[in-house]
């Protein structure tokens, strides 16, 4: 048995600490899950929703992909729709009450989308994926490659969150749940260096820092 040393050490800490604390919770969760919130976030190793929201086991249904992108509803046969499948399960089976799309600072996926907008190659699989948001990035003022300013990068990250929220509403089971007020959609953005979360205000369309206690 060969387990990477960091994973082995982490697992042992989990058994000695977290599972001791949450053992009863895990045993109860073995029968099924009932998370109240779905979080769609980036696969970036620095942005862990459970850590950011101090979530216990079973509290969040998390889906992570490059740039926290929600693709628009697509029904073409033969496709693979991992994010869409998870979304359908969360809304129609788990009946979550909230879906949060969370982008973050210095997102490599968004940076790749800027490059795609400038017709630059970024990878066999990355390129087609981030092309879903390249049109959004192309509309950011003063964002021409090869050098995208920090301000333009952040603006692109915020716009991608809003685009994903728009795409969520292309799924009938989402739009119907929102109309029936059994589901609410939210946008968020996390600053890695500052550890600060910003939340999208539905009325103003602007992101504002979430106040600390």
N, C-alpha and C. Protein backbone atom coordinates (compact mmCIF):
# COMPACT_ATOMS: atom_id res chain seq x y z
N UNK A 1 0.85 -1.20 0.00
CA UNK A 1 0.00 0.00 0.00
C UNK A 1 0.88 1.25 0.00
N UNK A 2 0.73 2.06 -1.05
CA UNK A 2 1.52 3.29 -1.15
C UNK A 2 0.58 4.49 -1.15
N UNK A 3 0.61 5.22 -0.06
CA UNK A 3 -0.21 6.42 0.07
C UNK A 3 0.73 7.62 0.21
N UNK A 4 0.53 8.69 -0.56
CA UNK A 4 1.37 9.88 -0.39
C UNK A 4 1.41 10.29 1.08
N UNK A 5 2.59 10.62 1.57
CA UNK A 5 2.78 10.87 2.99
C UNK A 5 1.89 11.98 3.52
N UNK A 6 1.68 13.02 2.71
CA UNK A 6 0.84 14.12 3.19
C UNK A 6 -0.61 13.67 3.36
N UNK A 7 -1.07 12.81 2.45
CA UNK A 7 -2.44 12.31 2.57
C UNK A 7 -2.58 11.37 3.76
N UNK A 8 -1.58 10.55 3.98
CA UNK A 8 -1.63 9.62 5.11
C UNK A 8 -1.65 10.38 6.43
N UNK A 9 -0.80 11.40 6.52
CA UNK A 9 -0.77 12.20 7.76
C UNK A 9 -2.10 12.92 7.97
N UNK A 10 -2.66 13.43 6.87
CA UNK A 10 -3.94 14.13 6.98
C UNK A 10 -5.06 13.20 7.38
N UNK A 11 -5.06 11.99 6.83
CA UNK A 11 -6.10 11.02 7.19
C UNK A 11 -6.01 10.65 8.66
N UNK A 12 -4.81 10.48 9.13
CA UNK A 12 -4.64 10.11 10.54
C UNK A 12 -5.09 11.23 11.46
N UNK A 13 -4.84 12.47 11.06
CA UNK A 13 -5.35 13.60 11.85
C UNK A 13 -6.87 13.60 11.83
N UNK A 14 -7.45 13.29 10.66
CA UNK A 14 -8.90 13.22 10.56
C UNK A 14 -9.45 12.19 11.54
N UNK A 15 -8.83 11.02 11.58
CA UNK A 15 -9.31 9.96 12.47
C UNK A 15 -9.13 10.35 13.94
N UNK A 16 -8.00 10.98 14.24
CA UNK A 16 -7.69 11.31 15.63
C UNK A 16 -8.43 12.55 16.14
N UNK A 17 -8.77 13.46 15.24
CA UNK A 17 -9.35 14.72 15.65
C UNK A 17 -10.79 14.92 15.12
N UNK A 18 -10.92 15.11 13.83
CA UNK A 18 -12.21 15.47 13.27
C UNK A 18 -13.25 14.35 13.45
N UNK A 19 -12.85 13.10 13.21
CA UNK A 19 -13.83 12.03 13.34
C UNK A 19 -14.21 11.80 14.80
N UNK A 20 -13.28 12.07 15.69
CA UNK A 20 -13.62 11.97 17.11
C UNK A 20 -14.67 13.02 17.46
N UNK A 21 -14.48 14.24 16.93
CA UNK A 21 -15.42 15.33 17.20
C UNK A 21 -16.77 15.12 16.52
N UNK A 22 -16.73 14.65 15.26
CA UNK A 22 -17.93 14.57 14.44
C UNK A 22 -18.41 13.14 14.21
N UNK A 23 -17.93 12.19 14.98
CA UNK A 23 -18.25 10.79 14.74
C UNK A 23 -19.75 10.50 14.68
N UNK A 24 -20.48 11.03 15.64
CA UNK A 24 -21.93 10.80 15.66
C UNK A 24 -22.59 11.38 14.41
N UNK A 25 -22.10 12.53 13.98
CA UNK A 25 -22.65 13.17 12.79
C UNK A 25 -22.39 12.32 11.55
N UNK A 26 -21.17 11.82 11.41
CA UNK A 26 -20.85 10.96 10.27
C UNK A 26 -21.70 9.69 10.27
N UNK A 27 -21.88 9.11 11.43
CA UNK A 27 -22.69 7.89 11.50
C UNK A 27 -24.13 8.15 11.10
N UNK A 28 -24.65 9.31 11.48
CA UNK A 28 -26.01 9.67 11.09
C UNK A 28 -26.09 9.94 9.58
N UNK A 29 -25.03 10.58 9.04
CA UNK A 29 -25.01 10.91 7.62
C UNK A 29 -24.87 9.68 6.74
N UNK A 30 -24.42 8.57 7.32
CA UNK A 30 -24.28 7.35 6.53
C UNK A 30 -25.62 6.91 5.94
N UNK A 31 -26.71 7.32 6.56
CA UNK A 31 -28.05 6.95 6.09
C UNK A 31 -28.54 7.87 4.98
N UNK A 32 -27.88 9.00 4.77
CA UNK A 32 -28.30 9.94 3.72
C UNK A 32 -27.89 11.35 4.05
N UNK A 33 -27.88 12.19 3.03
CA UNK A 33 -27.48 13.58 3.20
C UNK A 33 -28.64 14.52 2.97
N UNK A 34 -28.61 15.64 3.65
CA UNK A 34 -29.62 16.69 3.49
C UNK A 34 -28.98 18.07 3.59
N UNK A 35 -28.03 18.37 2.72
CA UNK A 35 -27.41 19.71 2.77
C UNK A 35 -28.43 20.77 2.36
N UNK A 36 -28.29 21.93 2.95
CA UNK A 36 -29.21 23.01 2.62
C UNK A 36 -28.72 23.89 1.50
N UNK A 37 -27.41 23.83 1.23
CA UNK A 37 -26.81 24.75 0.26
C UNK A 37 -25.89 24.01 -0.70
N UNK A 38 -25.99 24.37 -1.96
CA UNK A 38 -25.04 23.91 -2.97
C UNK A 38 -24.08 25.05 -3.27
N UNK A 39 -22.79 24.74 -3.33
CA UNK A 39 -21.78 25.74 -3.70
C UNK A 39 -21.08 25.26 -4.97
N UNK A 40 -21.08 26.10 -5.98
CA UNK A 40 -20.35 25.83 -7.22
C UNK A 40 -19.12 26.72 -7.20
N UNK A 41 -17.96 26.12 -7.08
CA UNK A 41 -16.74 26.91 -6.92
C UNK A 41 -15.64 26.39 -7.83
N UNK A 42 -14.53 27.10 -7.83
CA UNK A 42 -13.40 26.74 -8.68
C UNK A 42 -12.65 25.53 -8.08
N UNK A 43 -12.00 24.78 -8.96
CA UNK A 43 -11.21 23.63 -8.53
C UNK A 43 -9.88 24.06 -7.89
N UNK A 44 -9.58 25.34 -7.92
CA UNK A 44 -8.34 25.87 -7.35
C UNK A 44 -8.13 25.36 -5.93
N UNK A 45 -6.93 24.85 -5.65
CA UNK A 45 -6.64 24.24 -4.35
C UNK A 45 -6.69 25.22 -3.19
N UNK A 46 -6.66 26.52 -3.50
CA UNK A 46 -6.63 27.54 -2.44
C UNK A 46 -8.03 27.98 -2.01
N UNK A 47 -9.05 27.48 -2.70
CA UNK A 47 -10.41 27.99 -2.45
C UNK A 47 -11.33 26.82 -2.10
N UNK A 48 -11.35 26.47 -0.84
CA UNK A 48 -12.16 25.34 -0.37
C UNK A 48 -13.42 25.87 0.32
N UNK A 49 -14.59 25.67 -0.28
CA UNK A 49 -15.82 26.21 0.31
C UNK A 49 -16.07 25.75 1.74
N UNK A 50 -15.80 24.49 2.05
CA UNK A 50 -16.05 24.00 3.40
C UNK A 50 -15.19 24.72 4.42
N UNK A 51 -13.97 25.08 4.02
CA UNK A 51 -13.08 25.83 4.91
C UNK A 51 -13.55 27.27 5.05
N UNK A 52 -13.88 27.90 3.91
CA UNK A 52 -14.28 29.31 3.92
C UNK A 52 -15.54 29.52 4.74
N UNK A 53 -16.48 28.59 4.65
CA UNK A 53 -17.75 28.72 5.38
C UNK A 53 -17.78 27.92 6.68
N UNK A 54 -16.63 27.39 7.08
CA UNK A 54 -16.53 26.62 8.32
C UNK A 54 -17.65 25.58 8.42
N UNK A 55 -17.84 24.85 7.33
CA UNK A 55 -18.95 23.90 7.26
C UNK A 55 -18.58 22.56 7.86
N UNK A 56 -19.52 21.98 8.57
CA UNK A 56 -19.36 20.65 9.11
C UNK A 56 -19.74 19.62 8.07
N UNK A 57 -19.53 18.34 8.36
CA UNK A 57 -19.88 17.30 7.40
C UNK A 57 -21.37 17.31 7.07
N UNK A 58 -21.67 17.18 5.78
CA UNK A 58 -23.05 17.11 5.35
C UNK A 58 -23.75 18.43 5.19
N UNK A 59 -23.08 19.55 5.42
CA UNK A 59 -23.75 20.84 5.36
C UNK A 59 -23.76 21.46 3.97
N UNK A 60 -22.73 21.19 3.17
CA UNK A 60 -22.64 21.77 1.84
C UNK A 60 -22.55 20.68 0.78
N UNK A 61 -23.25 20.91 -0.32
CA UNK A 61 -23.12 20.06 -1.50
C UNK A 61 -22.25 20.84 -2.46
N UNK A 62 -21.02 20.41 -2.66
CA UNK A 62 -20.04 21.21 -3.39
C UNK A 62 -19.68 20.59 -4.74
N UNK A 63 -19.69 21.42 -5.76
CA UNK A 63 -19.22 21.03 -7.08
C UNK A 63 -18.13 22.01 -7.48
N UNK A 64 -16.99 21.47 -7.91
CA UNK A 64 -15.87 22.33 -8.26
C UNK A 64 -15.41 22.03 -9.68
N UNK A 65 -15.15 23.08 -10.43
CA UNK A 65 -14.60 22.92 -11.78
C UNK A 65 -13.73 24.13 -12.09
N UNK A 66 -13.11 24.14 -13.24
CA UNK A 66 -12.24 25.25 -13.62
C UNK A 66 -13.06 26.53 -13.76
N UNK A 67 -12.74 27.52 -12.95
CA UNK A 67 -13.35 28.86 -12.97
C UNK A 67 -14.77 28.92 -12.43
N UNK A 68 -15.24 27.86 -11.78
CA UNK A 68 -16.60 27.86 -11.20
C UNK A 68 -17.65 28.19 -12.25
N UNK A 69 -17.52 27.58 -13.41
CA UNK A 69 -18.42 27.88 -14.52
C UNK A 69 -19.66 26.98 -14.47
N UNK A 70 -20.81 27.60 -14.64
CA UNK A 70 -22.05 26.86 -14.87
C UNK A 70 -22.35 26.97 -16.36
N UNK A 71 -22.29 25.86 -17.09
CA UNK A 71 -22.60 25.94 -18.51
C UNK A 71 -24.10 26.14 -18.71
N UNK A 72 -24.50 26.69 -19.84
CA UNK A 72 -25.93 26.81 -20.10
C UNK A 72 -26.53 25.43 -20.34
N UNK A 73 -27.83 25.31 -20.14
CA UNK A 73 -28.51 24.03 -20.37
C UNK A 73 -28.27 23.56 -21.80
N UNK A 74 -27.89 22.30 -21.92
CA UNK A 74 -27.60 21.72 -23.23
C UNK A 74 -28.19 20.32 -23.26
N UNK A 75 -28.89 20.00 -24.31
CA UNK A 75 -29.55 18.69 -24.38
C UNK A 75 -29.04 17.83 -25.52
N UNK A 76 -27.93 18.22 -26.13
CA UNK A 76 -27.38 17.43 -27.23
C UNK A 76 -27.00 16.04 -26.73
N UNK A 77 -27.33 15.03 -27.52
CA UNK A 77 -27.02 13.66 -27.11
C UNK A 77 -25.52 13.41 -27.17
N UNK A 78 -25.06 12.51 -26.31
CA UNK A 78 -23.65 12.14 -26.31
C UNK A 78 -22.77 13.04 -25.49
N UNK A 79 -23.33 14.08 -24.89
CA UNK A 79 -22.51 14.99 -24.09
C UNK A 79 -22.31 14.48 -22.68
N UNK A 80 -21.33 15.05 -22.01
CA UNK A 80 -21.06 14.71 -20.60
C UNK A 80 -21.25 16.00 -19.80
N UNK A 81 -22.16 15.96 -18.87
CA UNK A 81 -22.57 17.18 -18.20
C UNK A 81 -22.44 17.03 -16.68
N UNK A 82 -21.21 17.00 -16.21
CA UNK A 82 -20.98 16.76 -14.78
C UNK A 82 -21.58 17.83 -13.89
N UNK A 83 -21.32 19.09 -14.20
CA UNK A 83 -21.86 20.18 -13.38
C UNK A 83 -23.37 20.23 -13.46
N UNK A 84 -23.91 20.04 -14.66
CA UNK A 84 -25.36 20.06 -14.83
C UNK A 84 -26.03 18.91 -14.09
N UNK A 85 -25.40 17.74 -14.10
CA UNK A 85 -25.95 16.58 -13.39
C UNK A 85 -25.97 16.83 -11.89
N UNK A 86 -24.89 17.40 -11.38
CA UNK A 86 -24.82 17.70 -9.94
C UNK A 86 -25.87 18.74 -9.57
N UNK A 87 -26.05 19.73 -10.43
CA UNK A 87 -27.05 20.76 -10.19
C UNK A 87 -28.45 20.15 -10.15
N UNK A 88 -28.74 19.29 -11.10
CA UNK A 88 -30.05 18.64 -11.15
C UNK A 88 -30.29 17.82 -9.88
N UNK A 89 -29.28 17.10 -9.45
CA UNK A 89 -29.42 16.28 -8.24
C UNK A 89 -29.65 17.16 -7.01
N UNK A 90 -28.90 18.24 -6.92
CA UNK A 90 -29.02 19.12 -5.75
C UNK A 90 -30.40 19.76 -5.66
N UNK A 91 -30.93 20.21 -6.81
CA UNK A 91 -32.19 20.95 -6.80
C UNK A 91 -33.40 20.03 -6.78
N UNK A 92 -33.36 18.95 -7.55
CA UNK A 92 -34.56 18.11 -7.68
C UNK A 92 -34.62 16.97 -6.68
N UNK A 93 -33.47 16.49 -6.22
CA UNK A 93 -33.46 15.36 -5.28
C UNK A 93 -33.18 15.82 -3.85
N UNK A 94 -32.09 16.56 -3.68
CA UNK A 94 -31.74 17.02 -2.33
C UNK A 94 -32.59 18.21 -1.89
N UNK A 95 -33.18 18.91 -2.85
CA UNK A 95 -34.04 20.06 -2.55
C UNK A 95 -33.31 21.15 -1.76
N UNK A 96 -32.09 21.48 -2.19
CA UNK A 96 -31.36 22.55 -1.52
C UNK A 96 -32.16 23.84 -1.63
N UNK A 97 -32.00 24.71 -0.67
CA UNK A 97 -32.72 25.99 -0.68
C UNK A 97 -31.89 27.12 -1.26
N UNK A 98 -30.58 26.91 -1.38
CA UNK A 98 -29.70 27.96 -1.90
C UNK A 98 -28.63 27.37 -2.79
N UNK A 99 -28.30 28.07 -3.86
CA UNK A 99 -27.17 27.73 -4.72
C UNK A 99 -26.26 28.94 -4.80
N UNK A 100 -25.00 28.75 -4.45
CA UNK A 100 -24.02 29.84 -4.46
C UNK A 100 -22.98 29.57 -5.53
N UNK A 101 -22.75 30.52 -6.41
CA UNK A 101 -21.65 30.46 -7.37
C UNK A 101 -20.54 31.34 -6.81
N UNK A 102 -19.38 30.74 -6.52
CA UNK A 102 -18.30 31.49 -5.87
C UNK A 102 -17.05 31.51 -6.74
N UNK A 103 -16.73 32.70 -7.24
CA UNK A 103 -15.47 32.90 -7.94
C UNK A 103 -14.39 33.31 -6.95
N UNK A 104 -13.20 33.59 -7.46
CA UNK A 104 -12.11 33.98 -6.55
C UNK A 104 -11.04 34.77 -7.28
N UNK A 105 -10.20 35.42 -6.50
CA UNK A 105 -9.12 36.21 -7.05
C UNK A 105 -8.02 35.38 -7.67
N UNK A 106 -7.34 35.95 -8.67
CA UNK A 106 -6.23 35.31 -9.36
C UNK A 106 -6.63 33.96 -9.95
N UNK A 107 -7.83 33.89 -10.50
CA UNK A 107 -8.34 32.63 -11.03
C UNK A 107 -7.65 32.29 -12.36
N UNK A 108 -6.96 31.15 -12.40
CA UNK A 108 -6.27 30.74 -13.61
C UNK A 108 -7.23 30.42 -14.74
N UNK A 109 -8.42 29.92 -14.39
CA UNK A 109 -9.41 29.62 -15.42
C UNK A 109 -9.90 30.87 -16.12
N UNK A 110 -10.12 31.93 -15.36
CA UNK A 110 -10.54 33.19 -15.96
C UNK A 110 -9.40 33.79 -16.77
N UNK A 111 -8.18 33.67 -16.28
CA UNK A 111 -7.02 34.15 -17.04
C UNK A 111 -6.93 33.42 -18.38
N UNK A 112 -7.22 32.12 -18.37
CA UNK A 112 -7.22 31.35 -19.61
C UNK A 112 -8.31 31.81 -20.55
N UNK A 113 -9.45 32.21 -19.98
CA UNK A 113 -10.55 32.71 -20.81
C UNK A 113 -10.17 34.01 -21.51
N UNK A 114 -9.41 34.86 -20.82
CA UNK A 114 -8.91 36.08 -21.45
C UNK A 114 -8.00 35.72 -22.63
N UNK A 115 -7.17 34.70 -22.44
CA UNK A 115 -6.27 34.28 -23.50
C UNK A 115 -7.04 33.71 -24.69
N UNK A 116 -8.07 32.93 -24.42
CA UNK A 116 -8.90 32.38 -25.50
C UNK A 116 -9.58 33.50 -26.26
N UNK A 117 -10.00 34.53 -25.54
CA UNK A 117 -10.64 35.68 -26.20
C UNK A 117 -9.70 36.36 -27.17
N UNK A 118 -8.38 36.22 -26.93
CA UNK A 118 -7.37 36.80 -27.80
C UNK A 118 -6.81 35.77 -28.79
N UNK A 119 -7.55 34.65 -28.91
CA UNK A 119 -7.18 33.59 -29.88
C UNK A 119 -5.86 32.92 -29.55
N UNK A 120 -5.52 32.85 -28.28
CA UNK A 120 -4.30 32.17 -27.86
C UNK A 120 -4.62 30.74 -27.42
N UNK A 121 -3.79 29.77 -27.77
CA UNK A 121 -4.04 28.38 -27.35
C UNK A 121 -3.74 28.21 -25.87
N UNK A 122 -4.62 27.50 -25.16
CA UNK A 122 -4.39 27.30 -23.73
C UNK A 122 -4.54 25.84 -23.30
N UNK A 123 -4.71 24.94 -24.26
CA UNK A 123 -4.81 23.53 -23.89
C UNK A 123 -5.93 22.83 -24.62
N UNK A 124 -5.77 21.53 -24.77
CA UNK A 124 -6.74 20.73 -25.52
C UNK A 124 -8.12 20.72 -24.87
N UNK A 125 -8.15 20.65 -23.54
CA UNK A 125 -9.42 20.57 -22.83
C UNK A 125 -9.78 21.87 -22.12
N UNK A 126 -8.77 22.59 -21.66
CA UNK A 126 -9.03 23.86 -20.97
C UNK A 126 -9.67 24.88 -21.91
N UNK A 127 -9.12 24.97 -23.11
CA UNK A 127 -9.60 25.97 -24.06
C UNK A 127 -11.09 25.87 -24.34
N UNK A 128 -11.58 24.69 -24.74
CA UNK A 128 -13.02 24.58 -25.00
C UNK A 128 -13.88 24.87 -23.77
N UNK A 129 -13.39 24.48 -22.59
CA UNK A 129 -14.18 24.73 -21.38
C UNK A 129 -14.29 26.22 -21.09
N UNK A 130 -13.16 26.92 -21.08
CA UNK A 130 -13.22 28.35 -20.74
C UNK A 130 -13.76 29.19 -21.88
N UNK A 131 -13.92 28.59 -23.06
CA UNK A 131 -14.56 29.34 -24.14
C UNK A 131 -16.01 29.67 -23.79
N UNK A 132 -16.56 28.94 -22.80
CA UNK A 132 -17.91 29.24 -22.31
C UNK A 132 -17.99 30.63 -21.69
N UNK A 133 -16.85 31.14 -21.24
CA UNK A 133 -16.84 32.45 -20.58
C UNK A 133 -15.93 33.46 -21.27
N UNK A 134 -15.32 33.06 -22.38
CA UNK A 134 -14.38 33.97 -23.05
C UNK A 134 -15.08 35.21 -23.60
N UNK A 135 -16.35 35.06 -24.00
CA UNK A 135 -17.07 36.24 -24.50
C UNK A 135 -17.30 37.25 -23.40
N UNK A 136 -17.49 36.75 -22.17
CA UNK A 136 -17.67 37.64 -21.02
C UNK A 136 -16.37 38.41 -20.77
N UNK A 137 -15.26 37.71 -20.80
CA UNK A 137 -13.97 38.35 -20.54
C UNK A 137 -13.60 39.32 -21.66
N UNK A 138 -14.00 38.99 -22.88
CA UNK A 138 -13.68 39.86 -24.01
C UNK A 138 -14.33 41.23 -23.89
N UNK A 139 -15.39 41.33 -23.11
CA UNK A 139 -16.11 42.59 -22.95
C UNK A 139 -15.56 43.45 -21.82
N UNK A 140 -14.59 42.93 -21.08
CA UNK A 140 -14.00 43.71 -19.98
C UNK A 140 -13.10 44.80 -20.58
N UNK A 141 -13.30 46.06 -20.20
CA UNK A 141 -12.48 47.15 -20.74
C UNK A 141 -11.00 46.98 -20.39
N UNK A 142 -10.15 47.33 -21.33
CA UNK A 142 -8.69 47.36 -21.13
C UNK A 142 -8.15 46.02 -20.65
N UNK A 143 -8.61 44.94 -21.30
CA UNK A 143 -8.19 43.61 -20.87
C UNK A 143 -7.48 42.83 -21.97
N UNK A 144 -6.83 43.54 -22.87
CA UNK A 144 -6.17 42.86 -23.97
C UNK A 144 -4.96 42.08 -23.49
N UNK A 145 -4.84 40.84 -23.96
CA UNK A 145 -3.66 40.03 -23.67
C UNK A 145 -2.48 40.62 -24.44
N UNK A 146 -1.20 40.31 -24.11
CA UNK A 146 -0.81 39.26 -23.17
C UNK A 146 -0.84 39.66 -21.70
N UNK A 147 -0.95 40.94 -21.40
CA UNK A 147 -0.94 41.36 -20.01
C UNK A 147 -2.31 41.93 -19.63
N UNK A 148 -2.96 41.24 -18.71
CA UNK A 148 -4.25 41.70 -18.22
C UNK A 148 -4.04 42.29 -16.83
N UNK A 149 -4.49 43.51 -16.62
CA UNK A 149 -4.28 44.17 -15.33
C UNK A 149 -5.03 43.45 -14.22
N UNK A 150 -4.59 43.69 -13.00
CA UNK A 150 -5.26 43.09 -11.84
C UNK A 150 -6.73 43.50 -11.79
N UNK A 151 -6.99 44.78 -12.10
CA UNK A 151 -8.36 45.28 -12.05
C UNK A 151 -9.22 44.59 -13.10
N UNK A 152 -8.68 44.40 -14.31
CA UNK A 152 -9.43 43.76 -15.37
C UNK A 152 -9.65 42.27 -15.05
N UNK A 153 -8.64 41.65 -14.47
CA UNK A 153 -8.76 40.25 -14.08
C UNK A 153 -9.90 40.07 -13.07
N UNK A 154 -9.93 40.94 -12.06
CA UNK A 154 -10.99 40.83 -11.06
C UNK A 154 -12.36 41.11 -11.68
N UNK A 155 -12.42 42.11 -12.54
CA UNK A 155 -13.69 42.41 -13.20
C UNK A 155 -14.18 41.21 -14.00
N UNK A 156 -13.24 40.54 -14.66
CA UNK A 156 -13.61 39.33 -15.39
C UNK A 156 -14.13 38.25 -14.46
N UNK A 157 -13.50 38.07 -13.33
CA UNK A 157 -13.94 37.07 -12.36
C UNK A 157 -15.35 37.35 -11.85
N UNK A 158 -15.64 38.62 -11.61
CA UNK A 158 -16.97 38.99 -11.14
C UNK A 158 -18.02 38.79 -12.23
N UNK A 159 -17.65 39.13 -13.45
CA UNK A 159 -18.60 38.96 -14.56
C UNK A 159 -18.88 37.49 -14.84
N UNK A 160 -17.89 36.64 -14.63
CA UNK A 160 -18.08 35.20 -14.85
C UNK A 160 -19.08 34.65 -13.83
N UNK A 161 -19.00 35.13 -12.60
CA UNK A 161 -19.98 34.70 -11.59
C UNK A 161 -21.39 35.08 -12.05
N UNK A 162 -21.55 36.31 -12.52
CA UNK A 162 -22.87 36.74 -12.98
C UNK A 162 -23.34 35.93 -14.20
N UNK A 163 -22.40 35.59 -15.09
CA UNK A 163 -22.76 34.79 -16.26
C UNK A 163 -23.24 33.40 -15.83
N UNK A 164 -22.57 32.83 -14.85
CA UNK A 164 -22.97 31.51 -14.37
C UNK A 164 -24.36 31.56 -13.73
N UNK A 165 -24.65 32.66 -13.03
CA UNK A 165 -25.98 32.82 -12.45
C UNK A 165 -27.04 32.91 -13.55
N UNK A 166 -26.71 33.60 -14.64
CA UNK A 166 -27.63 33.67 -15.78
C UNK A 166 -27.85 32.27 -16.36
N UNK A 167 -26.76 31.51 -16.49
CA UNK A 167 -26.86 30.17 -17.06
C UNK A 167 -27.67 29.23 -16.18
N UNK A 168 -27.61 29.43 -14.88
CA UNK A 168 -28.41 28.61 -13.97
C UNK A 168 -29.88 28.71 -14.32
N UNK A 169 -30.31 29.89 -14.70
CA UNK A 169 -31.73 30.11 -14.98
C UNK A 169 -32.17 29.50 -16.31
N UNK A 170 -31.24 28.96 -17.09
CA UNK A 170 -31.63 28.28 -18.33
C UNK A 170 -32.13 26.86 -18.05
N UNK A 171 -31.93 26.37 -16.84
CA UNK A 171 -32.42 25.04 -16.46
C UNK A 171 -33.84 25.19 -15.91
N UNK A 172 -34.82 24.56 -16.53
CA UNK A 172 -36.21 24.72 -16.07
C UNK A 172 -36.41 24.38 -14.60
N UNK A 173 -35.73 23.33 -14.11
CA UNK A 173 -35.93 22.96 -12.71
C UNK A 173 -35.38 24.00 -11.76
N UNK A 174 -34.43 24.81 -12.24
CA UNK A 174 -33.92 25.92 -11.42
C UNK A 174 -34.86 27.11 -11.51
N UNK A 175 -35.20 27.53 -12.71
CA UNK A 175 -36.06 28.70 -12.87
C UNK A 175 -37.42 28.49 -12.21
N UNK A 176 -37.94 27.27 -12.28
CA UNK A 176 -39.23 26.99 -11.65
C UNK A 176 -39.13 27.05 -10.13
N UNK A 177 -38.03 26.53 -9.58
CA UNK A 177 -37.84 26.57 -8.13
C UNK A 177 -37.64 28.00 -7.65
N UNK A 178 -36.92 28.81 -8.43
CA UNK A 178 -36.72 30.21 -8.08
C UNK A 178 -38.06 30.95 -8.12
N UNK A 179 -38.85 30.69 -9.16
CA UNK A 179 -40.15 31.34 -9.28
C UNK A 179 -41.08 30.93 -8.14
N UNK A 180 -40.93 29.68 -7.69
CA UNK A 180 -41.76 29.20 -6.59
C UNK A 180 -41.23 29.56 -5.23
N UNK A 181 -40.10 30.28 -5.22
CA UNK A 181 -39.47 30.76 -3.98
C UNK A 181 -39.03 29.61 -3.06
N UNK A 182 -38.71 28.47 -3.66
CA UNK A 182 -38.13 27.38 -2.87
C UNK A 182 -36.61 27.32 -3.06
N UNK A 183 -36.10 28.16 -3.96
CA UNK A 183 -34.67 28.19 -4.25
C UNK A 183 -34.23 29.63 -4.46
N UNK A 184 -33.07 29.96 -3.90
CA UNK A 184 -32.46 31.28 -4.10
C UNK A 184 -31.06 31.11 -4.67
N UNK A 185 -30.70 31.97 -5.60
CA UNK A 185 -29.39 31.93 -6.23
C UNK A 185 -28.54 33.10 -5.71
N UNK A 186 -27.25 32.83 -5.51
CA UNK A 186 -26.35 33.83 -4.94
C UNK A 186 -25.01 33.84 -5.68
N UNK A 187 -24.39 35.00 -5.72
CA UNK A 187 -23.06 35.13 -6.29
C UNK A 187 -22.08 35.60 -5.23
N UNK A 188 -20.86 35.05 -5.26
CA UNK A 188 -19.84 35.43 -4.29
C UNK A 188 -18.48 35.42 -4.95
N UNK A 189 -17.55 36.12 -4.32
CA UNK A 189 -16.16 36.18 -4.80
C UNK A 189 -15.25 36.22 -3.59
N UNK A 190 -14.18 35.40 -3.62
CA UNK A 190 -13.29 35.27 -2.47
C UNK A 190 -11.89 35.76 -2.80
N UNK A 191 -11.36 36.62 -1.94
CA UNK A 191 -9.98 37.08 -2.06
C UNK A 191 -9.08 36.14 -1.27
N UNK A 192 -8.21 35.45 -1.95
CA UNK A 192 -7.34 34.48 -1.28
C UNK A 192 -6.40 35.16 -0.30
N UNK A 193 -5.72 36.19 -0.76
CA UNK A 193 -4.73 36.86 0.07
C UNK A 193 -5.31 37.55 1.29
N UNK A 194 -6.51 38.09 1.14
CA UNK A 194 -7.14 38.83 2.23
C UNK A 194 -8.07 37.95 3.06
N UNK A 195 -8.42 36.78 2.55
CA UNK A 195 -9.38 35.93 3.26
C UNK A 195 -10.74 36.60 3.39
N UNK A 196 -11.06 37.46 2.42
CA UNK A 196 -12.28 38.25 2.48
C UNK A 196 -13.27 37.79 1.42
N UNK A 197 -14.54 37.68 1.83
CA UNK A 197 -15.60 37.26 0.92
C UNK A 197 -16.44 38.45 0.50
N UNK A 198 -16.74 38.53 -0.78
CA UNK A 198 -17.66 39.54 -1.29
C UNK A 198 -18.92 38.84 -1.79
N UNK A 199 -20.06 39.51 -1.61
CA UNK A 199 -21.36 38.92 -1.94
C UNK A 199 -22.08 39.82 -2.94
N UNK A 200 -22.76 39.21 -3.90
CA UNK A 200 -23.46 39.98 -4.92
C UNK A 200 -24.80 40.49 -4.39
N UNK A 201 -24.99 41.80 -4.46
CA UNK A 201 -26.25 42.41 -4.07
C UNK A 201 -27.19 42.34 -5.27
N UNK A 202 -28.30 41.64 -5.11
CA UNK A 202 -29.22 41.44 -6.22
C UNK A 202 -29.82 42.75 -6.72
N UNK A 203 -30.04 43.68 -5.83
CA UNK A 203 -30.69 44.93 -6.22
C UNK A 203 -29.76 45.87 -6.97
N UNK A 204 -28.51 45.98 -6.51
CA UNK A 204 -27.57 46.91 -7.14
C UNK A 204 -26.72 46.26 -8.22
N UNK A 205 -26.60 44.93 -8.17
CA UNK A 205 -25.76 44.23 -9.12
C UNK A 205 -24.28 44.37 -8.82
N UNK A 206 -23.95 44.87 -7.62
CA UNK A 206 -22.56 45.06 -7.22
C UNK A 206 -22.16 44.07 -6.13
N UNK A 207 -20.87 43.80 -6.07
CA UNK A 207 -20.34 42.94 -5.02
C UNK A 207 -19.87 43.80 -3.86
N UNK A 208 -20.17 43.38 -2.64
CA UNK A 208 -19.74 44.11 -1.45
C UNK A 208 -19.17 43.14 -0.43
N UNK A 209 -18.21 43.63 0.35
CA UNK A 209 -17.59 42.78 1.35
C UNK A 209 -18.59 42.33 2.40
N UNK A 210 -18.51 41.06 2.76
CA UNK A 210 -19.37 40.54 3.81
C UNK A 210 -18.79 41.01 5.14
N UNK A 211 -19.56 41.73 5.95
CA UNK A 211 -19.02 42.26 7.21
C UNK A 211 -18.68 41.15 8.20
N UNK A 212 -17.60 41.37 8.92
CA UNK A 212 -17.21 40.42 9.96
C UNK A 212 -18.02 40.67 11.22
N UNK A 213 -18.10 39.66 12.07
CA UNK A 213 -18.88 39.80 13.30
C UNK A 213 -18.28 40.88 14.18
